[in-house]
Amino acid sequence: MPLPDTGAQRILGLDLGERRIGVAVADADGGLATPLLTVRRGRTPEADVDALARIIAAERAVEVVVGLPLDASGIEGSQASITRAWVAAVADGLGVPVAFRDERLSSHLAEDRLGPMKRGRSGGPPTRAQRGRYRERIDREAAAIILQDELDARARGERPVRPRVHPSRADPPLESPG
């Protein structure tokens, strides 16, 4: 469900998963990030572009922020590489700039915000449909957390986070913090 039309341009936040993409939205001038919807991943990056381009147009988004799944140590691992490859495949088709934001713990924070999954009938285990709906809510909420983190960092005047890359994958040596 789209947010009410305020005439403002917006930024989308994405939580990329293997099967779904959580989408959140905020006004580009720094409003609060709000979970928007969950999109099923397409069979190809082009299918993802089609779905996301419709959302970008409907929300008048001027930028997309994608969660980058860094390892707990802050180093880019295989999941971050997969995310970067996906972004490289879809970025031109989206037609707006794409930024990355460290997404460590966003799904755990989303689960904390939403609470435990509801039980099934008579207190039994949740049904497959209930599990699916809960996961979709987690994806949307994680996207909102990622986007809000980016908006908050920009409001503080922070430069974009430059994730540390494993030395074997780094081109130039990274400068040490401090």
C-alpha atoms as a PDB file:
ATOM      1  CA  MET A   1       0.000   0.000   0.000  1.00  0.00           C
ATOM      2  CA  PRO A   2       1.611   3.289  -1.073  1.00  0.00           C
ATOM      3  CA  LEU A   3       2.061   6.085   1.427  1.00  0.00           C
ATOM      4  CA  PRO A   4      -0.212   9.124   1.073  1.00  0.00           C
ATOM      5  CA  ASP A   5       0.979  11.422  -1.719  1.00  0.00           C
ATOM      6  CA  THR A   6       2.808  14.343  -0.130  1.00  0.00           C
ATOM      7  CA  GLY A   7       4.418  15.510  -3.359  1.00  0.00           C
ATOM      8  CA  ALA A   8       7.842  14.668  -1.921  1.00  0.00           C
ATOM      9  CA  GLN A   9      10.412  12.538  -3.646  1.00  0.00           C
ATOM     10  CA  ARG A  10      11.284   9.341  -1.854  1.00  0.00           C
ATOM     11  CA  ILE A  11      14.083   6.907  -1.168  1.00  0.00           C
ATOM     12  CA  LEU A  12      13.522   3.159  -1.159  1.00  0.00           C
ATOM     13  CA  GLY A  13      15.311   0.781   1.181  1.00  0.00           C
ATOM     14  CA  LEU A  14      15.779  -2.840   0.136  1.00  0.00           C
ATOM     15  CA  ASP A  15      16.495  -5.936   2.186  1.00  0.00           C
ATOM     16  CA  LEU A  16      17.618  -8.437  -0.449  1.00  0.00           C
ATOM     17  CA  GLY A  17      17.006 -12.085   0.291  1.00  0.00           C
ATOM     18  CA  GLU A  18      17.241 -15.286  -1.714  1.00  0.00           C
ATOM     19  CA  ARG A  19      13.471 -15.488  -2.239  1.00  0.00           C
ATOM     20  CA  ARG A  20      12.108 -12.068  -1.320  1.00  0.00           C
ATOM     21  CA  ILE A  21      13.001  -8.382  -1.300  1.00  0.00           C
ATOM     22  CA  GLY A  22      11.726  -6.316   1.598  1.00  0.00           C
ATOM     23  CA  VAL A  23      10.945  -2.746   0.555  1.00  0.00           C
ATOM     24  CA  ALA A  24      10.662   0.347   2.728  1.00  0.00           C
ATOM     25  CA  VAL A  25      10.156   3.983   1.816  1.00  0.00           C
ATOM     26  CA  ALA A  26      10.926   7.410   3.270  1.00  0.00           C
ATOM     27  CA  ASP A  27      10.769  10.982   2.061  1.00  0.00           C
ATOM     28  CA  ALA A  28      14.076  11.958   0.484  1.00  0.00           C
ATOM     29  CA  ASP A  29      14.312  14.970   2.791  1.00  0.00           C
ATOM     30  CA  GLY A  30      14.868  12.664   5.751  1.00  0.00           C
ATOM     31  CA  GLY A  31      11.483  11.461   6.919  1.00  0.00           C
ATOM     32  CA  LEU A  32      10.919   8.260   8.851  1.00  0.00           C
ATOM     33  CA  ALA A  33      11.424   4.982   7.022  1.00  0.00           C
ATOM     34  CA  THR A  34       8.255   2.926   6.767  1.00  0.00           C
ATOM     35  CA  PRO A  35       7.902  -0.721   5.738  1.00  0.00           C
ATOM     36  CA  LEU A  36       6.132  -0.783   2.370  1.00  0.00           C
ATOM     37  CA  LEU A  37       5.841  -4.252   0.858  1.00  0.00           C
ATOM     38  CA  THR A  38       7.628  -7.490   0.095  1.00  0.00           C
ATOM     39  CA  VAL A  39       8.403  -8.532  -3.478  1.00  0.00           C
ATOM     40  CA  ARG A  40       9.040 -12.099  -4.556  1.00  0.00           C
ATOM     41  CA  ARG A  41      12.414 -12.413  -6.278  1.00  0.00           C
ATOM     42  CA  GLY A  42      12.143 -13.075  -9.987  1.00  0.00           C
ATOM     43  CA  ARG A  43      13.904 -15.857 -11.818  1.00  0.00           C
ATOM     44  CA  THR A  44      16.223 -13.295 -13.388  1.00  0.00           C
ATOM     45  CA  PRO A  45      17.614  -9.889 -12.393  1.00  0.00           C
ATOM     46  CA  GLU A  46      15.514  -8.420 -15.229  1.00  0.00           C
ATOM     47  CA  ALA A  47      12.352  -9.681 -13.518  1.00  0.00           C
ATOM     48  CA  ASP A  48      13.493  -8.006 -10.289  1.00  0.00           C
ATOM     49  CA  VAL A  49      14.119  -4.785 -12.239  1.00  0.00           C
ATOM     50  CA  ASP A  50      10.590  -4.891 -13.664  1.00  0.00           C
ATOM     51  CA  ALA A  51       9.009  -5.265 -10.226  1.00  0.00           C
ATOM     52  CA  LEU A  52      11.223  -2.664  -8.552  1.00  0.00           C
ATOM     53  CA  ALA A  53      10.968  -0.145 -11.400  1.00  0.00           C
ATOM     54  CA  ARG A  54       7.176  -0.098 -10.951  1.00  0.00           C
ATOM     55  CA  ILE A  55       7.609   0.624  -7.242  1.00  0.00           C
ATOM     56  CA  ILE A  56      10.240   3.296  -7.936  1.00  0.00           C
ATOM     57  CA  ALA A  57       7.869   5.025 -10.363  1.00  0.00           C
ATOM     58  CA  ALA A  58       4.832   4.731  -8.074  1.00  0.00           C
ATOM     59  CA  GLU A  59       6.732   6.127  -5.089  1.00  0.00           C
ATOM     60  CA  ARG A  60       8.667   8.728  -7.133  1.00  0.00           C
ATOM     61  CA  ALA A  61      11.862   7.341  -5.638  1.00  0.00           C
ATOM     62  CA  VAL A  62      15.064   9.173  -6.504  1.00  0.00           C
ATOM     63  CA  GLU A  63      17.434   6.680  -4.886  1.00  0.00           C
ATOM     64  CA  VAL A  64      17.593   3.112  -3.601  1.00  0.00           C
ATOM     65  CA  VAL A  65      19.529   1.989  -0.525  1.00  0.00           C
ATOM     66  CA  VAL A  66      20.365  -1.720  -0.452  1.00  0.00           C
ATOM     67  CA  GLY A  67      21.383  -3.529   2.709  1.00  0.00           C
ATOM     68  CA  LEU A  68      24.888  -4.965   2.409  1.00  0.00           C
ATOM     69  CA  PRO A  69      25.230  -8.119   4.540  1.00  0.00           C
ATOM     70  CA  LEU A  70      28.662  -7.765   6.093  1.00  0.00           C
ATOM     71  CA  ASP A  71      30.110 -10.427   8.354  1.00  0.00           C
ATOM     72  CA  ALA A  72      29.999  -9.720  12.089  1.00  0.00           C
ATOM     73  CA  SER A  73      33.615  -8.517  11.870  1.00  0.00           C
ATOM     74  CA  GLY A  74      32.671  -5.924   9.232  1.00  0.00           C
ATOM     75  CA  ILE A  75      34.370  -7.791   6.396  1.00  0.00           C
ATOM     76  CA  GLU A  76      32.559  -8.489   3.162  1.00  0.00           C
ATOM     77  CA  GLY A  77      31.879 -12.184   2.803  1.00  0.00           C
ATOM     78  CA  SER A  78      30.131 -14.283   0.205  1.00  0.00           C
ATOM     79  CA  GLN A  79      26.658 -12.840   0.898  1.00  0.00           C
ATOM     80  CA  ALA A  80      27.947  -9.305   0.382  1.00  0.00           C
ATOM     81  CA  SER A  81      29.501 -10.416  -2.910  1.00  0.00           C
ATOM     82  CA  ILE A  82      26.172 -11.895  -4.013  1.00  0.00           C
ATOM     83  CA  THR A  83      24.414  -8.643  -3.107  1.00  0.00           C
ATOM     84  CA  ARG A  84      26.974  -6.532  -4.981  1.00  0.00           C
ATOM     85  CA  ALA A  85      26.625  -8.779  -8.055  1.00  0.00           C
ATOM     86  CA  TRP A  86      22.824  -8.448  -7.949  1.00  0.00           C
ATOM     87  CA  VAL A  87      23.076  -4.662  -7.652  1.00  0.00           C
ATOM     88  CA  ALA A  88      25.507  -4.564 -10.579  1.00  0.00           C
ATOM     89  CA  ALA A  89      22.986  -6.558 -12.626  1.00  0.00           C
ATOM     90  CA  VAL A  90      19.958  -4.378 -11.792  1.00  0.00           C
ATOM     91  CA  ALA A  91      21.340  -0.877 -11.165  1.00  0.00           C
ATOM     92  CA  ASP A  92      21.125   0.435 -14.733  1.00  0.00           C
ATOM     93  CA  GLY A  93      17.583  -0.852 -15.126  1.00  0.00           C
ATOM     94  CA  LEU A  94      16.399   0.877 -11.948  1.00  0.00           C
ATOM     95  CA  GLY A  95      17.283   4.291 -13.355  1.00  0.00           C
ATOM     96  CA  VAL A  96      18.173   5.829  -9.977  1.00  0.00           C
ATOM     97  CA  PRO A  97      21.362   5.877  -7.911  1.00  0.00           C
ATOM     98  CA  VAL A  98      21.928   2.873  -5.664  1.00  0.00           C
ATOM     99  CA  ALA A  99      23.764   3.095  -2.332  1.00  0.00           C
ATOM    100  CA  PHE A 100      24.749   0.413   0.158  1.00  0.00           C
ATOM    101  CA  ARG A 101      24.171   0.427   3.923  1.00  0.00           C
ATOM    102  CA  ASP A 102      25.582  -2.067   6.414  1.00  0.00           C
ATOM    103  CA  GLU A 103      22.675  -4.306   7.343  1.00  0.00           C
ATOM    104  CA  ARG A 104      24.212  -6.360  10.123  1.00  0.00           C
ATOM    105  CA  LEU A 105      21.565  -7.412  12.644  1.00  0.00           C
ATOM    106  CA  SER A 106      18.699  -5.721  10.742  1.00  0.00           C
ATOM    107  CA  SER A 107      16.665  -8.939  10.571  1.00  0.00           C
ATOM    108  CA  HIS A 108      17.239  -9.633  14.264  1.00  0.00           C
ATOM    109  CA  LEU A 109      16.148  -6.085  15.126  1.00  0.00           C
ATOM    110  CA  ALA A 110      13.094  -6.534  12.911  1.00  0.00           C
ATOM    111  CA  GLU A 111      12.191  -9.747  14.755  1.00  0.00           C
ATOM    112  CA  ASP A 112      12.590  -7.932  18.079  1.00  0.00           C
ATOM    113  CA  ARG A 113      10.278  -5.143  16.875  1.00  0.00           C
ATOM    114  CA  LEU A 114       7.608  -7.509  15.583  1.00  0.00           C
ATOM    115  CA  GLY A 115       7.797 -10.041  18.379  1.00  0.00           C
ATOM    116  CA  PRO A 116       7.469 -13.787  18.027  1.00  0.00           C
ATOM    117  CA  MET A 117       5.567 -15.449  15.228  1.00  0.00           C
ATOM    118  CA  LYS A 118       1.934 -16.102  16.072  1.00  0.00           C
ATOM    119  CA  ARG A 119       1.015 -19.648  16.957  1.00  0.00           C
ATOM    120  CA  GLY A 120      -1.277 -21.736  14.804  1.00  0.00           C
ATOM    121  CA  ARG A 121      -4.802 -22.794  15.662  1.00  0.00           C
ATOM    122  CA  SER A 122      -5.313 -23.910  19.247  1.00  0.00           C
ATOM    123  CA  GLY A 123      -1.757 -22.885  20.103  1.00  0.00           C
ATOM    124  CA  GLY A 124      -0.173 -25.361  17.707  1.00  0.00           C
ATOM    125  CA  PRO A 125       2.696 -24.658  15.351  1.00  0.00           C
ATOM    126  CA  PRO A 126       2.184 -21.879  12.819  1.00  0.00           C
ATOM    127  CA  THR A 127       0.907 -22.855   9.417  1.00  0.00           C
ATOM    128  CA  ARG A 128       3.040 -22.542   6.305  1.00  0.00           C
ATOM    129  CA  ALA A 129       1.018 -19.453   5.299  1.00  0.00           C
ATOM    130  CA  GLN A 130       1.565 -17.860   8.721  1.00  0.00           C
ATOM    131  CA  ARG A 131       5.306 -18.482   8.500  1.00  0.00           C
ATOM    132  CA  GLY A 132       5.404 -16.959   5.020  1.00  0.00           C
ATOM    133  CA  ARG A 133       3.491 -13.828   6.070  1.00  0.00           C
ATOM    134  CA  TYR A 134       5.723 -13.415   9.120  1.00  0.00           C
ATOM    135  CA  ARG A 135       8.897 -13.684   7.031  1.00  0.00           C
ATOM    136  CA  GLU A 136       7.522 -11.090   4.608  1.00  0.00           C
ATOM    137  CA  ARG A 137       6.850  -8.718   7.521  1.00  0.00           C
ATOM    138  CA  ILE A 138      10.391  -9.295   8.797  1.00  0.00           C
ATOM    139  CA  ASP A 139      11.791  -8.473   5.325  1.00  0.00           C
ATOM    140  CA  ARG A 140       9.803  -5.202   5.133  1.00  0.00           C
ATOM    141  CA  GLU A 141      10.752  -4.204   8.664  1.00  0.00           C
ATOM    142  CA  ALA A 142      14.446  -5.009   8.023  1.00  0.00           C
ATOM    143  CA  ALA A 143      14.304  -2.801   4.903  1.00  0.00           C
ATOM    144  CA  ALA A 144      12.917   0.027   7.047  1.00  0.00           C
ATOM    145  CA  ILE A 145      15.734  -0.431   9.579  1.00  0.00           C
ATOM    146  CA  ILE A 146      18.350  -0.342   6.805  1.00  0.00           C
ATOM    147  CA  LEU A 147      16.831   2.790   5.279  1.00  0.00           C
ATOM    148  CA  GLN A 148      16.439   4.543   8.633  1.00  0.00           C
ATOM    149  CA  ASP A 149      20.075   3.781   9.479  1.00  0.00           C
ATOM    150  CA  GLU A 150      21.090   5.450   6.207  1.00  0.00           C
ATOM    151  CA  LEU A 151      18.864   8.482   6.790  1.00  0.00           C
ATOM    152  CA  ASP A 152      20.162   8.881  10.352  1.00  0.00           C
ATOM    153  CA  ALA A 153      23.786   8.646   9.168  1.00  0.00           C
ATOM    154  CA  ARG A 154      23.144  11.325   6.545  1.00  0.00           C
ATOM    155  CA  ALA A 155      21.462  13.574   9.121  1.00  0.00           C
ATOM    156  CA  ARG A 156      24.592  13.291  11.284  1.00  0.00           C
ATOM    157  CA  GLY A 157      26.683  14.271   8.275  1.00  0.00           C
ATOM    158  CA  GLU A 158      28.481  10.934   8.115  1.00  0.00           C
ATOM    159  CA  ARG A 159      30.149   9.903   4.926  1.00  0.00           C
ATOM    160  CA  PRO A 160      28.901   6.684   3.377  1.00  0.00           C
ATOM    161  CA  VAL A 161      30.163   3.620   5.163  1.00  0.00           C
ATOM    162  CA  ARG A 162      33.028   1.995   3.306  1.00  0.00           C
ATOM    163  CA  PRO A 163      32.833  -1.642   4.300  1.00  0.00           C
ATOM    164  CA  ARG A 164      36.110  -3.381   4.944  1.00  0.00           C
ATOM    165  CA  VAL A 165      36.903  -5.885   2.236  1.00  0.00           C
ATOM    166  CA  HIS A 166      38.746  -9.105   2.916  1.00  0.00           C
ATOM    167  CA  PRO A 167      42.378  -8.386   1.919  1.00  0.00           C
ATOM    168  CA  SER A 168      42.389 -11.099  -0.715  1.00  0.00           C
ATOM    169  CA  ARG A 169      39.492  -9.307  -2.431  1.00  0.00           C
ATOM    170  CA  ALA A 170      40.682  -5.749  -1.948  1.00  0.00           C
ATOM    171  CA  ASP A 171      42.274  -3.872  -4.793  1.00  0.00           C
ATOM    172  CA  PRO A 172      44.163  -1.128  -2.954  1.00  0.00           C
ATOM    173  CA  PRO A 173      45.221  -1.550   0.667  1.00  0.00           C
ATOM    174  CA  LEU A 174      42.642  -0.081   3.015  1.00  0.00           C
ATOM    175  CA  GLU A 175      43.563   2.780   5.257  1.00  0.00           C
ATOM    176  CA  SER A 176      43.469   1.988   8.930  1.00  0.00           C
ATOM    177  CA  PRO A 177      40.709   3.575  11.024  1.00  0.00           C
ATOM    178  CA  GLY A 178      41.620   6.421  13.279  1.00  0.00           C
END
